[in-house]
Amino acid sequence: MRWEERVQRGAHPVVYPAIRSLRRRGPVVRVPGIGVVVSDAATARAVLLDTERFTKVGPGSPSDLWTPVLGPSVLLNMEGADHARLRRALSGLFTPRAVRELVAVSVPDVLAGLAPRLLAGERVDLVVETAAMAGTVICAMTGLPPTDAAVRDAMTAAQSVVGLVRLHRRSLTPGQVRHARAVLARLSAPARDAYRDGDPSTVPGRMRELGLSEDEALGAVGAFVLTGTETIQSFVPRLVALTADTGWLPALLAGGGADDAALRGRVVEEALRVTAPTPAMLRSVRTDATVGEVRVRAGDRVVIATVSCCKDAGPFDPDAPVDPAVRHLWFGAGPHFCLGMPLAMAQVDAVLDALQPVAEVGRGLEVVERAVARGVLIPAYRSLVVRATVGGADATRRPTAREAA
């Protein structure tokens, strides 16, 4: 767990320890210049579920960040009936079956050589491999041909926009908005063509088939590109590192039986809780209310410190009972629960499936080199190099909570 702390502090050397220290002052604390910070999972979930009093549209909310870039009609900055209508229209594209098909078509060639390279003795940087996979999915969603150059450019472009966001700034500067719009215009050009062609084999074409307007389709593509790339590129290497450090990696890569699949699911869920890939969420107060014991007024900003809410549930232990207040909190709650969760999980499974042949021949994996990313929005490794070990580890042994900690 020491490495997870390093990852968090590398991304936010001042904000992360400050946010964590607030928990000692209480579950809800007003911080001048930042907002009302919530560090308690049950209180956070109550805020997310109460869309009458807390909204994604208003001062200090996500709409302040993304509306100037993506326009007014994306799920990130909508509420009420319009939000529900757009979400219903998009939901068919993000069912578990639909995203598995999207990933199965777009990424096999990217990951096919992963296990053979490891078994041949090569060292592999999982950050590079995960970025290539995520970039290929971006290409599939935007209609870009997935050449190596297109994948790299798409990832770099998306990261350059996401990296502009900072918790202490409530909106992007005019210069940052111009940059973000230029990047999105470049990325969305092929998506616009695909939408106008109406080809149902493309994501924009399917959106047109589902009845979305061109602006809604392009906004949705842009939103998923920006919010999904950093999350998946951050989580997969952290998942492998965390399970390697705590002794759970052999169980994560165990065979394909039903029991193994269930165990993999629990390990992944627990790693999501501990890493909290969405470290914070924002809401604007719509009407005067109370958050915990703190009075809030219309226009106040509420910062849900997801990282504290999740980490305070205990050390990494996939065998421990799940606190209902914490479950899936990193993906939100209520009507704004992350629509792209199945796509993220499909990409995680794709990488784990690509690594599984290493375990199937009795070999293990070990982390031989790593470096923490600095100055990024989503905490991540800059590199995580792994290699196959000569002998496999015992996949039936589960570490104790003390060992995992």
Protein backbone atom coordinates (compact mmCIF):
# COMPACT_ATOMS: atom_id res chain seq x y z
CA MET A 1 0.00 0.00 0.00
CA ARG A 2 3.00 2.30 0.29
CA TRP A 3 3.17 2.46 -3.50
CA GLU A 4 -0.49 3.48 -3.72
CA GLU A 5 0.30 6.38 -1.40
CA ARG A 6 3.19 7.36 -3.65
CA VAL A 7 0.92 7.28 -6.70
CA GLN A 8 -1.62 9.55 -5.00
CA ARG A 9 1.00 11.99 -3.75
CA GLY A 10 2.78 12.04 -7.10
CA ALA A 11 -0.38 13.29 -8.79
CA HIS A 12 -1.42 15.70 -6.04
CA PRO A 13 1.44 16.37 -3.61
CA VAL A 14 -0.47 19.13 -1.80
CA VAL A 15 -4.17 18.44 -2.41
CA TYR A 16 -4.12 14.70 -1.60
CA PRO A 17 -2.63 14.97 1.92
CA ALA A 18 -4.79 18.02 2.56
CA ILE A 19 -7.97 16.17 1.56
CA ARG A 20 -7.00 13.14 3.66
CA SER A 21 -6.25 15.32 6.67
CA LEU A 22 -9.74 16.83 6.53
CA ARG A 23 -11.21 13.49 7.57
CA ARG A 24 -9.72 14.00 11.01
CA ARG A 25 -11.69 17.24 11.33
CA GLY A 26 -14.99 15.55 10.59
CA PRO A 27 -17.02 13.86 7.84
CA VAL A 28 -18.07 17.20 6.31
CA VAL A 29 -15.84 20.29 6.43
CA ARG A 30 -16.17 23.69 4.77
CA VAL A 31 -12.86 24.73 3.17
CA PRO A 32 -12.54 28.36 1.95
CA GLY A 33 -11.84 28.55 -1.76
CA ILE A 34 -12.65 24.87 -2.33
CA GLY A 35 -16.14 24.19 -1.02
CA VAL A 36 -17.85 21.84 1.41
CA VAL A 37 -15.74 18.67 1.42
CA VAL A 38 -17.49 15.36 2.15
CA SER A 39 -15.27 12.48 3.35
CA ASP A 40 -17.96 10.08 4.58
CA ALA A 41 -19.34 7.46 2.18
CA ALA A 42 -22.92 7.44 3.47
CA THR A 43 -23.13 11.23 3.35
CA ALA A 44 -21.57 11.27 -0.12
CA ARG A 45 -24.09 8.76 -1.42
CA ALA A 46 -26.95 10.79 0.06
CA VAL A 47 -25.73 13.90 -1.78
CA LEU A 48 -25.39 12.02 -5.08
CA LEU A 49 -28.89 10.58 -4.76
CA ASP A 50 -30.52 13.91 -3.85
CA THR A 51 -30.81 15.56 -7.27
CA GLU A 52 -33.44 17.97 -6.00
CA ARG A 53 -30.94 19.82 -3.81
CA PHE A 54 -27.59 18.94 -5.38
CA THR A 55 -26.91 19.24 -9.09
CA LYS A 56 -24.26 18.83 -11.77
CA VAL A 57 -25.43 22.12 -13.27
CA GLY A 58 -24.62 25.33 -11.41
CA PRO A 59 -21.75 27.25 -9.79
CA GLY A 60 -18.73 25.04 -9.11
CA SER A 61 -20.31 21.97 -10.73
CA PRO A 62 -19.02 19.87 -13.66
CA SER A 63 -21.01 22.07 -16.05
CA ASP A 64 -18.64 24.98 -15.32
CA LEU A 65 -15.77 22.85 -16.60
CA TRP A 66 -17.25 20.99 -19.53
CA THR A 67 -20.08 23.02 -21.07
CA PRO A 68 -17.68 25.53 -22.70
CA VAL A 69 -15.78 22.61 -24.23
CA LEU A 70 -18.43 19.99 -25.06
CA GLY A 71 -21.58 22.07 -25.36
CA PRO A 72 -24.74 21.93 -23.27
CA SER A 73 -26.03 18.49 -24.29
CA VAL A 74 -23.77 15.87 -22.69
CA LEU A 75 -24.50 13.70 -19.67
CA LEU A 76 -21.75 15.41 -17.69
CA ASN A 77 -23.70 18.67 -17.52
CA MET A 78 -27.37 17.74 -17.72
CA GLU A 79 -30.16 17.16 -15.21
CA GLY A 80 -33.82 16.16 -15.17
CA ALA A 81 -35.88 15.00 -18.14
CA ASP A 82 -33.30 15.94 -20.79
CA HIS A 83 -30.62 13.98 -18.96
CA ALA A 84 -32.91 10.96 -18.59
CA ARG A 85 -33.85 11.03 -22.28
CA LEU A 86 -30.24 11.19 -23.48
CA ARG A 87 -29.16 8.50 -21.04
CA ARG A 88 -31.93 6.18 -22.26
CA ALA A 89 -30.91 6.80 -25.84
CA LEU A 90 -27.27 5.96 -25.11
CA SER A 91 -27.84 3.04 -22.77
CA GLY A 92 -28.08 0.47 -25.55
CA LEU A 93 -24.52 1.25 -26.62
CA PHE A 94 -23.13 0.52 -23.17
CA THR A 95 -24.73 -2.74 -22.15
CA PRO A 96 -22.20 -5.40 -21.07
CA ARG A 97 -22.80 -7.30 -24.31
CA ALA A 98 -22.41 -4.23 -26.51
CA VAL A 99 -19.15 -3.09 -24.94
CA ARG A 100 -17.71 -6.61 -24.97
CA GLU A 101 -18.38 -6.69 -28.70
CA LEU A 102 -16.78 -3.26 -29.16
CA VAL A 103 -13.68 -4.29 -27.23
CA ALA A 104 -13.54 -7.73 -28.87
CA VAL A 105 -13.50 -6.12 -32.32
CA SER A 106 -11.15 -3.23 -31.57
CA VAL A 107 -8.39 -4.46 -29.23
CA PRO A 108 -7.42 -8.13 -29.82
CA ASP A 109 -4.50 -7.25 -32.10
CA VAL A 110 -3.21 -4.72 -29.55
CA LEU A 111 -3.04 -7.26 -26.73
CA ALA A 112 -2.42 -10.48 -28.64
CA GLY A 113 1.34 -10.36 -28.22
CA LEU A 114 1.31 -9.57 -24.50
CA ALA A 115 1.60 -13.10 -23.07
CA PRO A 116 3.94 -14.44 -25.79
CA ARG A 117 6.34 -11.56 -25.20
CA LEU A 118 6.32 -12.14 -21.45
CA LEU A 119 6.80 -15.89 -21.86
CA ALA A 120 9.71 -15.21 -24.20
CA GLY A 121 11.44 -13.35 -21.38
CA GLU A 122 10.62 -9.80 -22.47
CA ARG A 123 9.89 -7.07 -19.96
CA VAL A 124 6.63 -5.29 -20.72
CA ASP A 125 5.47 -1.84 -19.62
CA LEU A 126 1.78 -2.21 -18.77
CA VAL A 127 1.26 1.55 -18.89
CA VAL A 128 2.27 1.57 -22.55
CA GLU A 129 0.13 -1.49 -23.35
CA THR A 130 -2.92 -0.11 -21.55
CA ALA A 131 -2.56 3.25 -23.29
CA ALA A 132 -2.43 1.51 -26.66
CA MET A 133 -5.60 -0.41 -25.84
CA ALA A 134 -7.44 2.70 -24.56
CA GLY A 135 -6.32 4.66 -27.61
CA THR A 136 -7.61 1.94 -29.91
CA VAL A 137 -11.01 2.12 -28.20
CA ILE A 138 -10.97 5.91 -28.70
CA CYS A 139 -10.37 5.32 -32.40
CA ALA A 140 -13.29 2.88 -32.53
CA MET A 141 -15.58 5.42 -30.85
CA THR A 142 -14.55 8.38 -32.99
CA GLY A 143 -14.22 6.59 -36.31
CA LEU A 144 -10.44 7.07 -36.55
CA PRO A 145 -8.53 4.25 -38.27
CA PRO A 146 -6.56 2.57 -35.45
CA THR A 147 -3.05 3.02 -36.80
CA ASP A 148 -0.21 3.34 -34.28
CA ALA A 149 0.05 7.06 -34.99
CA ALA A 150 -3.70 7.61 -34.62
CA VAL A 151 -3.77 5.73 -31.32
CA ARG A 152 -0.88 7.74 -29.89
CA ASP A 153 -2.30 11.03 -31.12
CA ALA A 154 -5.76 10.26 -29.73
CA MET A 155 -4.37 9.39 -26.28
CA THR A 156 -2.08 12.42 -26.21
CA ALA A 157 -4.90 14.73 -27.29
CA ALA A 158 -7.34 13.40 -24.69
CA GLN A 159 -4.76 13.57 -21.92
CA SER A 160 -3.86 17.15 -22.80
CA VAL A 161 -7.47 18.19 -22.16
CA VAL A 162 -8.09 16.18 -18.99
CA GLY A 163 -4.79 17.40 -17.56
CA LEU A 164 -6.11 20.98 -17.56
CA VAL A 165 -8.57 20.28 -14.74
CA ARG A 166 -7.60 21.18 -11.18
CA LEU A 167 -9.70 20.93 -8.02
CA HIS A 168 -8.91 24.48 -6.88
CA ARG A 169 -10.09 25.96 -10.22
CA ARG A 170 -13.83 26.02 -10.85
CA SER A 171 -13.54 26.52 -14.60
CA LEU A 172 -11.01 26.44 -17.40
CA THR A 173 -9.34 29.63 -18.53
CA PRO A 174 -10.29 31.07 -21.94
CA GLY A 175 -6.98 29.82 -23.36
CA GLN A 176 -7.59 26.33 -21.98
CA VAL A 177 -11.10 26.30 -23.42
CA ARG A 178 -9.71 27.23 -26.85
CA HIS A 179 -7.14 24.43 -26.62
CA ALA A 180 -9.72 21.88 -25.49
CA ARG A 181 -12.13 22.86 -28.26
CA ALA A 182 -9.38 22.55 -30.87
CA VAL A 183 -8.44 19.09 -29.59
CA LEU A 184 -12.06 17.92 -29.54
CA ALA A 185 -12.66 19.33 -33.01
CA ARG A 186 -9.72 17.31 -34.31
CA LEU A 187 -10.85 14.14 -32.56
CA SER A 188 -14.52 14.54 -33.49
CA ALA A 189 -14.01 15.25 -37.22
CA PRO A 190 -14.11 11.53 -38.17
CA ALA A 191 -16.98 11.01 -35.70
CA ARG A 192 -18.96 13.72 -37.49
CA ASP A 193 -18.32 12.00 -40.84
CA ALA A 194 -19.35 8.63 -39.38
CA TYR A 195 -22.53 10.13 -37.96
CA ARG A 196 -23.46 11.73 -41.29
CA ASP A 197 -22.73 8.49 -43.16
CA GLY A 198 -25.04 6.69 -40.73
CA ASP A 199 -22.99 3.47 -40.80
CA PRO A 200 -24.36 1.39 -37.86
CA SER A 201 -21.04 -0.44 -37.55
CA THR A 202 -19.57 2.78 -36.08
CA VAL A 203 -20.44 4.24 -32.68
CA PRO A 204 -21.51 7.64 -34.10
CA GLY A 205 -23.56 5.85 -36.75
CA ARG A 206 -25.31 3.82 -34.08
CA MET A 207 -26.03 7.04 -32.16
CA ARG A 208 -27.74 8.47 -35.22
CA GLU A 209 -29.71 5.24 -35.57
CA LEU A 210 -30.81 5.61 -31.94
CA GLY A 211 -32.20 9.08 -32.63
CA LEU A 212 -29.49 11.33 -31.22
CA SER A 213 -28.91 14.66 -32.92
CA GLU A 214 -25.47 15.33 -34.38
CA ASP A 215 -24.56 17.66 -31.52
CA GLU A 216 -25.69 15.10 -28.93
CA ALA A 217 -23.73 12.32 -30.61
CA LEU A 218 -20.52 14.34 -30.89
CA GLY A 219 -20.89 15.61 -27.33
CA ALA A 220 -21.37 12.06 -26.05
CA VAL A 221 -18.33 10.80 -27.95
CA GLY A 222 -16.23 13.68 -26.60
CA ALA A 223 -17.41 13.09 -23.04
CA PHE A 224 -16.63 9.39 -23.09
CA VAL A 225 -13.25 9.99 -24.67
CA LEU A 226 -12.27 12.57 -22.05
CA THR A 227 -13.63 10.80 -18.99
CA GLY A 228 -12.75 7.23 -19.91
CA THR A 229 -9.19 7.32 -21.16
CA GLU A 230 -7.38 8.53 -18.05
CA THR A 231 -9.44 6.29 -15.78
CA ILE A 232 -8.63 3.05 -17.59
CA GLN A 233 -4.99 3.93 -18.21
CA SER A 234 -4.62 4.70 -14.51
CA PHE A 235 -6.47 1.71 -13.11
CA VAL A 236 -5.11 -1.31 -14.98
CA PRO A 237 -1.43 -0.80 -14.03
CA ARG A 238 -2.45 0.09 -10.47
CA LEU A 239 -4.57 -3.06 -10.28
CA VAL A 240 -1.65 -5.25 -11.33
CA ALA A 241 0.79 -3.43 -9.03
CA LEU A 242 -1.56 -3.56 -6.03
CA THR A 243 -2.32 -7.25 -6.42
CA ALA A 244 1.35 -8.05 -7.02
CA ASP A 245 2.36 -6.13 -3.89
CA THR A 246 -0.31 -7.80 -1.73
CA GLY A 247 -0.02 -11.35 -3.07
CA TRP A 248 -3.37 -11.37 -4.89
CA LEU A 249 -2.09 -11.32 -8.48
CA PRO A 250 -2.05 -15.14 -8.92
CA ALA A 251 -5.69 -15.30 -7.85
CA LEU A 252 -6.52 -12.44 -10.24
CA LEU A 253 -5.02 -14.35 -13.17
CA ALA A 254 -6.35 -17.80 -12.22
CA GLY A 255 -8.15 -20.00 -14.78
CA GLY A 256 -11.48 -19.35 -16.43
CA GLY A 257 -13.93 -21.25 -14.20
CA ALA A 258 -16.99 -19.69 -12.60
CA ASP A 259 -15.34 -19.55 -9.18
CA ASP A 260 -12.24 -17.91 -10.67
CA ALA A 261 -14.39 -15.35 -12.51
CA ALA A 262 -16.23 -14.50 -9.30
CA LEU A 263 -12.95 -14.13 -7.43
CA ARG A 264 -11.54 -11.92 -10.19
CA GLY A 265 -14.61 -9.72 -9.92
CA ARG A 266 -14.16 -9.29 -6.18
CA VAL A 267 -10.45 -8.50 -6.53
CA VAL A 268 -11.13 -5.92 -9.24
CA GLU A 269 -13.95 -4.30 -7.23
CA GLU A 270 -11.77 -4.10 -4.14
CA ALA A 271 -8.90 -2.60 -6.15
CA LEU A 272 -11.29 0.00 -7.54
CA ARG A 273 -12.29 0.91 -4.00
CA VAL A 274 -8.70 1.25 -2.77
CA THR A 275 -7.41 3.14 -5.82
CA ALA A 276 -10.55 5.32 -6.16
CA PRO A 277 -10.01 6.13 -9.86
CA THR A 278 -12.40 9.08 -9.52
CA PRO A 279 -10.73 10.85 -6.57
CA ALA A 280 -13.35 13.60 -6.29
CA MET A 281 -16.81 14.52 -7.59
CA LEU A 282 -18.46 17.92 -7.72
CA ARG A 283 -21.99 19.11 -7.08
CA SER A 284 -23.59 22.55 -6.85
CA VAL A 285 -26.15 23.26 -4.14
CA ARG A 286 -29.53 24.05 -5.70
CA THR A 287 -31.42 25.05 -2.54
CA ASP A 288 -30.45 25.65 1.08
CA ALA A 289 -29.84 22.32 2.78
CA THR A 290 -27.71 20.42 5.28
CA VAL A 291 -24.79 18.14 4.40
CA GLY A 292 -24.04 16.10 7.48
CA GLU A 293 -24.08 18.76 10.16
CA VAL A 294 -22.95 21.60 7.87
CA ARG A 295 -25.47 24.09 6.54
CA VAL A 296 -25.10 24.87 2.83
CA ARG A 297 -26.65 27.60 0.73
CA ALA A 298 -27.76 27.76 -2.88
CA GLY A 299 -24.69 28.24 -5.05
CA ASP A 300 -22.28 26.50 -2.64
CA ARG A 301 -19.94 23.90 -4.06
CA VAL A 302 -19.84 20.37 -2.63
CA VAL A 303 -16.67 18.35 -3.19
CA ILE A 304 -17.12 14.64 -2.57
CA ALA A 305 -13.70 13.32 -1.59
CA THR A 306 -14.23 9.87 -3.07
CA VAL A 307 -10.66 8.89 -2.27
CA SER A 308 -11.30 9.38 1.47
CA CYS A 309 -14.75 7.80 1.40
CA CYS A 310 -13.32 4.66 -0.21
CA LYS A 311 -9.99 4.34 1.57
CA ASP A 312 -11.56 4.74 5.01
CA ALA A 313 -13.52 1.51 4.47
CA GLY A 314 -10.42 -0.49 5.44
CA PRO A 315 -7.30 -2.11 3.98
CA PHE A 316 -7.29 -4.00 0.68
CA ASP A 317 -9.10 -7.29 1.31
CA PRO A 318 -11.19 -8.90 -1.46
CA ASP A 319 -12.60 -11.39 1.06
CA ALA A 320 -14.03 -8.69 3.34
CA PRO A 321 -17.78 -7.85 3.26
CA VAL A 322 -18.60 -4.85 1.09
CA ASP A 323 -19.96 -1.77 2.84
CA PRO A 324 -23.17 -0.87 0.93
CA ALA A 325 -22.41 2.84 1.33
CA VAL A 326 -19.10 2.41 -0.48
CA ARG A 327 -20.11 -0.06 -3.17
CA HIS A 328 -19.39 1.37 -6.65
CA LEU A 329 -19.16 4.87 -5.16
CA TRP A 330 -16.20 5.66 -7.44
CA PHE A 331 -18.66 5.42 -10.36
CA GLY A 332 -21.21 7.69 -8.69
CA ALA A 333 -24.76 6.89 -7.58
CA GLY A 334 -28.31 7.54 -8.66
CA PRO A 335 -29.26 8.89 -12.10
CA HIS A 336 -25.67 9.97 -12.78
CA PHE A 337 -24.12 6.55 -12.12
CA CYS A 338 -21.37 6.17 -14.72
CA LEU A 339 -22.91 4.94 -17.98
CA GLY A 340 -19.45 3.93 -19.21
CA MET A 341 -18.74 1.50 -16.34
CA PRO A 342 -19.35 -1.62 -18.46
CA LEU A 343 -16.90 -0.32 -21.09
CA ALA A 344 -14.24 0.27 -18.43
CA MET A 345 -14.78 -3.23 -17.00
CA ALA A 346 -14.61 -4.79 -20.47
CA GLN A 347 -11.22 -3.17 -21.03
CA VAL A 348 -9.95 -4.37 -17.64
CA ASP A 349 -11.07 -7.90 -18.50
CA ALA A 350 -9.38 -7.68 -21.89
CA VAL A 351 -6.00 -6.98 -20.31
CA LEU A 352 -6.41 -9.67 -17.64
CA ASP A 353 -7.49 -12.19 -20.29
CA ALA A 354 -4.38 -11.30 -22.31
CA LEU A 355 -2.18 -11.92 -19.25
CA GLN A 356 -3.91 -15.14 -18.20
CA PRO A 357 -1.90 -17.48 -20.50
CA VAL A 358 1.18 -16.67 -18.43
CA ALA A 359 -0.49 -18.19 -15.37
CA GLU A 360 -1.95 -21.09 -17.36
CA VAL A 361 1.54 -22.45 -18.10
CA GLY A 362 2.57 -22.22 -14.46
CA ARG A 363 4.42 -18.93 -14.62
CA GLY A 364 3.91 -15.89 -12.43
CA LEU A 365 4.26 -12.14 -12.94
CA GLU A 366 6.37 -9.72 -10.97
CA VAL A 367 6.85 -5.98 -11.06
CA VAL A 368 10.49 -5.21 -11.80
CA GLU A 369 10.38 -1.45 -12.34
CA ARG A 370 7.93 1.37 -11.76
CA ALA A 371 7.71 5.14 -11.75
CA VAL A 372 4.93 7.37 -10.49
CA ALA A 373 3.24 9.91 -12.78
CA ARG A 374 3.45 13.48 -11.53
CA GLY A 375 1.17 16.45 -12.13
CA VAL A 376 -1.72 14.40 -13.57
CA LEU A 377 -5.42 14.65 -12.73
CA ILE A 378 -6.02 10.93 -12.17
CA PRO A 379 -3.26 9.33 -10.04
CA ALA A 380 -1.30 6.84 -12.11
CA TYR A 381 1.99 5.13 -12.79
CA ARG A 382 4.18 6.69 -15.46
CA SER A 383 5.57 3.21 -16.11
CA LEU A 384 5.02 -0.24 -14.64
CA VAL A 385 7.34 -2.89 -16.04
CA VAL A 386 6.53 -6.55 -15.43
CA ARG A 387 8.12 -9.85 -16.39
CA ALA A 388 7.18 -13.50 -16.16
CA THR A 389 8.76 -15.40 -13.28
CA VAL A 390 10.34 -18.81 -13.75
CA GLY A 391 7.97 -20.52 -11.32
CA GLY A 392 4.30 -19.73 -10.80
CA ALA A 393 2.84 -18.61 -7.49
CA ASP A 394 0.18 -20.52 -5.58
CA ALA A 395 -3.08 -19.20 -6.99
CA THR A 396 -5.11 -20.96 -4.30
CA ARG A 397 -3.57 -19.07 -1.41
CA ARG A 398 -5.26 -15.82 -0.42
CA PRO A 399 -3.29 -13.32 1.62
CA THR A 400 -4.66 -12.27 4.96
CA ALA A 401 -5.89 -8.71 5.41
CA ARG A 402 -2.80 -8.01 7.49
CA GLU A 403 -0.52 -9.24 4.70
CA ALA A 404 -2.45 -7.27 2.09
CA ALA A 405 -2.11 -4.12 4.17
